[in-house]
Amino acid sequence: MASYYLLSDGFGFSTVAALGWSSVVPALRTVWGLVSSRSVNGLALLMLVVNVAGLALSAVAGDPRLMMAKDSGVSSVVGIAILLSVRTRRPLMTAGLKPWVTKGSAAGDAAWDRLMAGSERFRRAERRFSAIWGTALLTECVVKVIGAYTVPVDTMVWLGTVLTVVAILAAMVIAGGGCAEPMEKMIAAEVAAGAERAADVDGADGGSVPVGAAAGAAAGAAAGVAS
């Protein structure tokens, strides 16, 4: 949004040119993320494809309203792809969800893997998380396409950003409270159970781990994940 107004009002770019060039920064940011991490993130790669397609279409679209509708239409691919991925073994939003609920700890990652293998409730929450995000993003795109042809272009530039922020906040609140938080609690409980099992094995093998120390370690590990 800032790029659009800077190019159009500050540098005198036409509406079409300002809309097209303002898409360059998000595309470059996505490329940098892929290069710097040196790993393929399915969601980041999808966003890069969407941005490149948007830039390519900007070169042939001469109508500002068509360009704005095109941006929303191309972006809707993200929402659709997320919804389709819900039926796969690894929904697209899992890439961001897993580090959030496990806090990146080895114990949390191991607990995640165990729950994915043995808990249908945990797997449902993972799929539901992506379903909520996909639905929110797709709904936002539909509303923005309608707005592109019913609202003045200059108004729709900032209003489109507001709609995006509202959709993201709604998805964060709904998916966070209904999926991420329960998954965090299940991860914490599984970490504690895993620590207790390890303590029992050590005791059976002749180790000298006091019961109080084992319980304290389990509680500490669980608290680390939950916090």
Protein backbone atom coordinates (compact mmCIF):
# COMPACT_ATOMS: atom_id res chain seq x y z
CA MET A 1 0.00 0.00 0.00
CA ALA A 2 2.83 2.40 0.90
CA SER A 3 4.60 1.57 -2.37
CA TYR A 4 1.46 2.30 -4.38
CA TYR A 5 0.88 5.74 -2.89
CA LEU A 6 4.58 6.63 -3.03
CA LEU A 7 4.81 5.72 -6.72
CA SER A 8 1.47 7.23 -7.74
CA ASP A 9 1.37 10.43 -5.66
CA GLY A 10 5.09 10.93 -5.00
CA PHE A 11 6.58 10.00 -8.37
CA GLY A 12 3.59 10.51 -10.66
CA PHE A 13 3.26 6.91 -11.83
CA SER A 14 0.01 5.98 -13.48
CA THR A 15 -2.43 3.92 -11.46
CA VAL A 16 -1.65 0.82 -13.53
CA ALA A 17 2.13 1.27 -13.24
CA ALA A 18 1.96 1.96 -9.49
CA LEU A 19 -0.15 -1.15 -8.92
CA GLY A 20 2.28 -3.26 -10.96
CA TRP A 21 5.53 -2.02 -9.43
CA SER A 22 4.18 -2.19 -5.88
CA SER A 23 4.04 -5.98 -6.32
CA VAL A 24 7.81 -6.19 -6.82
CA VAL A 25 8.76 -5.85 -3.14
CA PRO A 26 6.63 -8.81 -1.92
CA ALA A 27 8.05 -10.96 -4.72
CA LEU A 28 11.66 -10.06 -3.89
CA ARG A 29 11.03 -10.63 -0.18
CA THR A 30 9.75 -14.14 -0.89
CA VAL A 31 12.77 -14.93 -3.10
CA TRP A 32 15.11 -13.71 -0.36
CA GLY A 33 13.36 -15.91 2.18
CA LEU A 34 13.83 -18.97 -0.02
CA VAL A 35 17.50 -18.18 -0.72
CA SER A 36 18.45 -17.29 2.86
CA SER A 37 16.82 -20.36 4.42
CA ARG A 38 18.16 -22.68 1.69
CA SER A 39 15.11 -24.87 2.07
CA VAL A 40 11.85 -25.17 0.17
CA ASN A 41 8.85 -23.96 2.14
CA GLY A 42 5.69 -24.97 0.28
CA LEU A 43 3.73 -21.89 1.34
CA ALA A 44 6.57 -19.46 0.56
CA LEU A 45 7.08 -21.07 -2.85
CA LEU A 46 3.36 -20.78 -3.59
CA MET A 47 3.43 -17.09 -2.64
CA LEU A 48 6.40 -16.53 -4.97
CA VAL A 49 4.55 -18.16 -7.89
CA VAL A 50 1.49 -16.02 -7.16
CA ASN A 51 3.56 -12.82 -7.06
CA VAL A 52 5.39 -13.65 -10.30
CA ALA A 53 2.10 -14.48 -12.02
CA GLY A 54 0.66 -11.20 -10.76
CA LEU A 55 3.61 -9.23 -12.14
CA ALA A 56 3.33 -11.00 -15.49
CA LEU A 57 -0.37 -10.23 -15.77
CA SER A 58 0.26 -6.63 -14.75
CA ALA A 59 2.23 -6.19 -17.97
CA VAL A 60 -0.81 -6.95 -20.11
CA ALA A 61 -3.61 -5.52 -17.98
CA GLY A 62 -4.33 -1.89 -18.77
CA ASP A 63 -7.43 -1.42 -16.64
CA PRO A 64 -6.75 -0.52 -12.97
CA ARG A 65 -9.91 -2.29 -11.83
CA LEU A 66 -8.98 -5.38 -13.80
CA MET A 67 -5.52 -5.28 -12.23
CA MET A 68 -6.97 -5.13 -8.73
CA ALA A 69 -9.42 -7.92 -9.48
CA LYS A 70 -6.56 -9.89 -11.05
CA ASP A 71 -4.44 -9.52 -7.92
CA SER A 72 -7.28 -10.81 -5.77
CA GLY A 73 -8.05 -13.60 -8.21
CA VAL A 74 -4.44 -14.77 -8.40
CA SER A 75 -4.11 -14.49 -4.63
CA SER A 76 -7.18 -16.68 -4.22
CA VAL A 77 -4.98 -19.49 -5.50
CA VAL A 78 -3.24 -19.38 -2.12
CA GLY A 79 -6.50 -19.92 -0.24
CA ILE A 80 -7.60 -22.69 -2.60
CA ALA A 81 -4.20 -24.41 -2.39
CA ILE A 82 -4.31 -24.31 1.42
CA LEU A 83 -7.81 -25.81 1.42
CA LEU A 84 -6.78 -28.57 -1.00
CA SER A 85 -3.71 -29.35 1.08
CA VAL A 86 -5.95 -30.17 4.05
CA ARG A 87 -6.57 -33.56 2.42
CA THR A 88 -2.84 -34.30 2.14
CA ARG A 89 -0.45 -35.64 4.76
CA ARG A 90 1.08 -32.19 5.33
CA PRO A 91 -1.28 -29.18 5.07
CA LEU A 92 0.46 -26.04 3.87
CA MET A 93 -0.04 -24.07 7.10
CA THR A 94 1.73 -26.77 9.11
CA ALA A 95 5.06 -25.18 8.15
CA GLY A 96 4.24 -22.23 10.40
CA LEU A 97 2.10 -24.07 12.92
CA LYS A 98 4.62 -26.70 14.05
CA PRO A 99 7.41 -24.34 15.23
CA TRP A 100 4.77 -22.25 16.99
CA VAL A 101 3.30 -25.05 19.11
CA THR A 102 6.57 -26.92 19.74
CA LYS A 103 8.65 -23.76 20.34
CA GLY A 104 11.34 -25.40 18.22
CA SER A 105 12.49 -27.68 21.05
CA ALA A 106 13.69 -31.22 20.41
CA ALA A 107 11.29 -32.57 23.04
CA GLY A 108 8.41 -30.66 21.43
CA ASP A 109 9.28 -31.93 17.95
CA ALA A 110 9.43 -35.52 19.22
CA ALA A 111 6.07 -35.06 20.98
CA TRP A 112 4.60 -33.67 17.74
CA ASP A 113 5.72 -36.75 15.82
CA ARG A 114 4.26 -39.11 18.42
CA LEU A 115 0.94 -37.29 18.48
CA MET A 116 0.76 -37.19 14.68
CA ALA A 117 1.24 -40.95 14.65
CA GLY A 118 -1.14 -41.82 17.45
CA SER A 119 -3.72 -39.07 18.05
CA GLU A 120 -6.62 -38.52 15.66
CA ARG A 121 -7.68 -35.49 17.70
CA PHE A 122 -4.27 -33.91 17.15
CA ARG A 123 -4.37 -34.62 13.41
CA ARG A 124 -7.87 -33.13 13.13
CA ALA A 125 -6.69 -29.95 14.83
CA GLU A 126 -3.76 -29.71 12.41
CA ARG A 127 -6.07 -30.06 9.40
CA ARG A 128 -8.64 -27.67 10.85
CA PHE A 129 -5.94 -25.01 11.34
CA SER A 130 -5.20 -24.95 7.60
CA ALA A 131 -8.90 -25.15 6.72
CA ILE A 132 -9.64 -22.02 8.76
CA TRP A 133 -6.78 -20.08 7.18
CA GLY A 134 -7.70 -21.20 3.66
CA THR A 135 -11.34 -20.22 4.14
CA ALA A 136 -10.41 -16.80 5.57
CA LEU A 137 -8.01 -16.00 2.72
CA LEU A 138 -10.39 -17.19 0.01
CA THR A 139 -13.27 -15.17 1.48
CA GLU A 140 -11.03 -12.09 1.61
CA CYS A 141 -10.16 -12.52 -2.08
CA VAL A 142 -13.82 -12.80 -3.11
CA VAL A 143 -14.72 -9.62 -1.20
CA LYS A 144 -11.78 -7.76 -2.75
CA VAL A 145 -12.79 -8.79 -6.28
CA ILE A 146 -16.27 -7.40 -5.65
CA GLY A 147 -14.76 -4.22 -4.21
CA ALA A 148 -12.46 -3.80 -7.22
CA TYR A 149 -15.51 -3.12 -9.42
CA THR A 150 -17.71 -1.28 -6.93
CA VAL A 151 -15.31 0.97 -4.97
CA PRO A 152 -13.08 3.81 -6.33
CA VAL A 153 -9.56 2.57 -7.14
CA ASP A 154 -7.73 4.90 -4.71
CA THR A 155 -10.10 3.85 -1.94
CA MET A 156 -9.79 0.16 -2.76
CA VAL A 157 -5.98 0.29 -2.50
CA TRP A 158 -6.12 1.01 1.25
CA LEU A 159 -9.43 -0.77 1.81
CA GLY A 160 -7.96 -3.94 0.26
CA THR A 161 -5.14 -3.81 2.81
CA VAL A 162 -7.67 -3.37 5.63
CA LEU A 163 -9.62 -6.39 4.38
CA THR A 164 -6.42 -8.44 4.31
CA VAL A 165 -5.53 -7.43 7.88
CA VAL A 166 -9.05 -8.23 9.10
CA ALA A 167 -8.95 -11.65 7.42
CA ILE A 168 -5.56 -12.45 8.95
CA LEU A 169 -6.62 -11.32 12.42
CA ALA A 170 -9.83 -13.34 12.20
CA ALA A 171 -7.91 -16.43 11.12
CA MET A 172 -5.37 -15.94 13.92
CA VAL A 173 -8.07 -15.65 16.59
CA ILE A 174 -10.25 -18.52 15.35
CA ALA A 175 -7.46 -20.93 14.37
CA GLY A 176 -5.36 -19.98 17.37
CA GLY A 177 -8.05 -20.55 19.95
CA GLY A 178 -9.63 -23.54 18.28
CA CYS A 179 -6.53 -25.38 17.05
CA ALA A 180 -3.12 -24.02 18.05
CA GLU A 181 -3.83 -23.63 21.78
CA PRO A 182 -5.29 -27.14 22.24
CA MET A 183 -2.36 -28.56 20.25
CA GLU A 184 0.10 -26.71 22.51
CA LYS A 185 -1.53 -28.27 25.55
CA MET A 186 -1.39 -31.75 23.99
CA ILE A 187 2.28 -31.21 23.11
CA ALA A 188 3.06 -30.12 26.69
CA ALA A 189 1.25 -33.15 28.13
CA GLU A 190 3.06 -35.49 25.73
CA VAL A 191 6.45 -33.95 26.61
CA ALA A 192 5.74 -34.53 30.30
CA ALA A 193 4.60 -38.10 29.64
CA GLY A 194 7.72 -38.75 27.57
CA ALA A 195 9.97 -37.47 30.32
CA GLU A 196 8.23 -39.71 32.85
CA ARG A 197 8.59 -42.72 30.56
CA ALA A 198 12.31 -41.99 30.16
CA ALA A 199 12.69 -41.73 33.93
CA ASP A 200 10.91 -45.08 34.38
CA VAL A 201 13.24 -46.72 31.85
CA ASP A 202 16.29 -45.29 33.60
CA GLY A 203 15.00 -46.63 36.91
CA ALA A 204 14.33 -50.07 35.45
CA ASP A 205 17.87 -50.14 34.04
CA GLY A 206 19.34 -49.59 37.50
CA GLY A 207 19.65 -45.83 37.34
CA SER A 208 19.37 -43.77 40.48
CA VAL A 209 16.93 -41.06 39.47
CA PRO A 210 14.89 -39.92 42.47
CA VAL A 211 11.14 -39.86 41.92
CA GLY A 212 10.93 -36.20 42.89
CA ALA A 213 13.69 -35.24 40.44
CA ALA A 214 12.01 -37.16 37.62
CA ALA A 215 8.69 -35.45 38.29
CA GLY A 216 10.40 -32.08 38.43
CA ALA A 217 12.15 -32.69 35.11
CA ALA A 218 8.88 -33.70 33.48
CA ALA A 219 7.10 -30.63 34.79
CA GLY A 220 9.94 -28.37 33.69
CA ALA A 221 9.96 -29.79 30.16
CA ALA A 222 6.21 -29.38 29.86
CA ALA A 223 6.37 -25.82 31.14
CA GLY A 224 9.05 -24.99 28.61
CA VAL A 225 6.85 -26.08 25.71
CA ALA A 226 3.68 -24.53 27.09
CA SER A 227 5.37 -21.17 27.65
